[in-house]
Amino acid sequence: MGSLFLILIFFGLFAIYDAIRKVNNNILEQTKELKRIREELAKNNKN
């Protein structure tokens, strides 16, 4: 019973880690996209 509890805790922690990693990757992607859009807008405004 104790080992089952430990396995469930391990998988729970892994699920939390994976969710945080996905959110972080999403934030990084959005930041890169916003930077690209800002650069394009600045370039278009100069012309």
N, C-alpha and C. Protein backbone atom coordinates (compact mmCIF):
# COMPACT_ATOMS: atom_id res chain seq x y z
N MET A 1 0.82 -1.20 0.00
CA MET A 1 0.00 0.00 0.00
C MET A 1 0.87 1.27 0.00
N GLY A 2 1.95 1.22 0.75
CA GLY A 2 2.83 2.37 0.82
C GLY A 2 3.52 2.63 -0.50
N SER A 3 3.91 1.55 -1.19
CA SER A 3 4.59 1.73 -2.48
C SER A 3 3.63 2.29 -3.53
N LEU A 4 2.37 1.90 -3.47
CA LEU A 4 1.38 2.44 -4.39
C LEU A 4 1.22 3.94 -4.16
N PHE A 5 1.20 4.34 -2.90
CA PHE A 5 1.10 5.75 -2.55
C PHE A 5 2.29 6.53 -3.08
N LEU A 6 3.49 5.97 -2.94
CA LEU A 6 4.70 6.63 -3.45
C LEU A 6 4.67 6.76 -4.97
N ILE A 7 4.19 5.74 -5.65
CA ILE A 7 4.09 5.78 -7.12
C ILE A 7 3.11 6.87 -7.54
N LEU A 8 1.97 6.95 -6.85
CA LEU A 8 0.99 7.99 -7.18
C LEU A 8 1.55 9.38 -6.93
N ILE A 9 2.30 9.57 -5.85
CA ILE A 9 2.92 10.87 -5.58
C ILE A 9 3.92 11.20 -6.69
N PHE A 10 4.72 10.21 -7.09
CA PHE A 10 5.71 10.43 -8.15
C PHE A 10 5.02 10.88 -9.44
N PHE A 11 3.97 10.16 -9.84
CA PHE A 11 3.27 10.52 -11.08
C PHE A 11 2.57 11.87 -10.95
N GLY A 12 2.09 12.19 -9.77
CA GLY A 12 1.47 13.50 -9.55
C GLY A 12 2.49 14.61 -9.71
N LEU A 13 3.67 14.43 -9.11
CA LEU A 13 4.73 15.44 -9.24
C LEU A 13 5.19 15.56 -10.69
N PHE A 14 5.29 14.44 -11.38
CA PHE A 14 5.69 14.48 -12.78
C PHE A 14 4.66 15.23 -13.63
N ALA A 15 3.37 15.01 -13.34
CA ALA A 15 2.31 15.70 -14.08
C ALA A 15 2.39 17.21 -13.84
N ILE A 16 2.66 17.61 -12.60
CA ILE A 16 2.79 19.04 -12.29
C ILE A 16 4.00 19.61 -13.02
N TYR A 17 5.12 18.89 -12.98
CA TYR A 17 6.33 19.35 -13.69
C TYR A 17 6.05 19.51 -15.18
N ASP A 18 5.39 18.54 -15.78
CA ASP A 18 5.10 18.58 -17.21
C ASP A 18 4.18 19.75 -17.55
N ALA A 19 3.19 20.01 -16.71
CA ALA A 19 2.28 21.13 -16.95
C ALA A 19 3.03 22.46 -16.88
N ILE A 20 3.90 22.61 -15.90
CA ILE A 20 4.68 23.85 -15.77
C ILE A 20 5.60 24.01 -16.97
N ARG A 21 6.20 22.92 -17.43
CA ARG A 21 7.10 22.98 -18.59
C ARG A 21 6.34 23.42 -19.84
N LYS A 22 5.14 22.90 -20.03
CA LYS A 22 4.34 23.27 -21.20
C LYS A 22 3.94 24.74 -21.15
N VAL A 23 3.55 25.22 -19.98
CA VAL A 23 3.18 26.63 -19.84
C VAL A 23 4.39 27.52 -20.12
N ASN A 24 5.55 27.13 -19.59
CA ASN A 24 6.77 27.90 -19.81
C ASN A 24 7.12 27.96 -21.30
N ASN A 25 7.03 26.83 -21.98
CA ASN A 25 7.32 26.80 -23.42
C ASN A 25 6.34 27.68 -24.19
N ASN A 26 5.09 27.67 -23.76
CA ASN A 26 4.07 28.50 -24.39
C ASN A 26 4.40 29.98 -24.23
N ILE A 27 4.81 30.36 -23.03
CA ILE A 27 5.17 31.76 -22.76
C ILE A 27 6.36 32.17 -23.62
N LEU A 28 7.36 31.30 -23.72
CA LEU A 28 8.54 31.61 -24.53
C LEU A 28 8.17 31.77 -26.00
N GLU A 29 7.31 30.90 -26.50
CA GLU A 29 6.87 31.01 -27.90
C GLU A 29 6.13 32.31 -28.14
N GLN A 30 5.24 32.68 -27.23
CA GLN A 30 4.48 33.92 -27.39
C GLN A 30 5.39 35.13 -27.33
N THR A 31 6.41 35.08 -26.48
CA THR A 31 7.35 36.19 -26.38
C THR A 31 8.12 36.35 -27.69
N LYS A 32 8.56 35.25 -28.26
CA LYS A 32 9.27 35.31 -29.55
C LYS A 32 8.36 35.86 -30.64
N GLU A 33 7.11 35.43 -30.64
CA GLU A 33 6.15 35.90 -31.65
C GLU A 33 5.90 37.39 -31.50
N LEU A 34 5.74 37.86 -30.26
CA LEU A 34 5.52 39.29 -30.04
C LEU A 34 6.73 40.11 -30.47
N LYS A 35 7.92 39.61 -30.21
CA LYS A 35 9.14 40.31 -30.63
C LYS A 35 9.19 40.41 -32.15
N ARG A 36 8.85 39.32 -32.82
CA ARG A 36 8.85 39.32 -34.28
C ARG A 36 7.82 40.31 -34.83
N ILE A 37 6.65 40.35 -34.22
CA ILE A 37 5.60 41.27 -34.67
C ILE A 37 6.03 42.71 -34.45
N ARG A 38 6.65 43.00 -33.28
CA ARG A 38 7.13 44.37 -33.01
C ARG A 38 8.17 44.79 -34.05
N GLU A 39 9.08 43.88 -34.38
CA GLU A 39 10.11 44.20 -35.37
C GLU A 39 9.49 44.48 -36.73
N GLU A 40 8.50 43.69 -37.12
CA GLU A 40 7.82 43.91 -38.40
C GLU A 40 7.08 45.24 -38.40
N LEU A 41 6.41 45.56 -37.31
CA LEU A 41 5.69 46.84 -37.23
C LEU A 41 6.65 48.02 -37.29
N ALA A 42 7.76 47.92 -36.59
CA ALA A 42 8.75 49.01 -36.62
C ALA A 42 9.31 49.16 -38.02
N LYS A 43 9.55 48.06 -38.68
CA LYS A 43 10.07 48.09 -40.05
C LYS A 43 9.07 48.71 -41.01
N ASN A 44 7.81 48.36 -40.85
CA ASN A 44 6.75 48.89 -41.73
C ASN A 44 6.49 50.37 -41.47
N ASN A 45 6.66 50.82 -40.23
CA ASN A 45 6.43 52.23 -39.90
C ASN A 45 7.53 53.11 -40.45
N LYS A 46 8.73 52.58 -40.63
CA LYS A 46 9.84 53.37 -41.17
C LYS A 46 9.65 53.67 -42.65
N ASN A 47 8.96 52.76 -43.34
CA ASN A 47 8.77 52.93 -44.80
C ASN A 47 7.70 53.90 -45.13
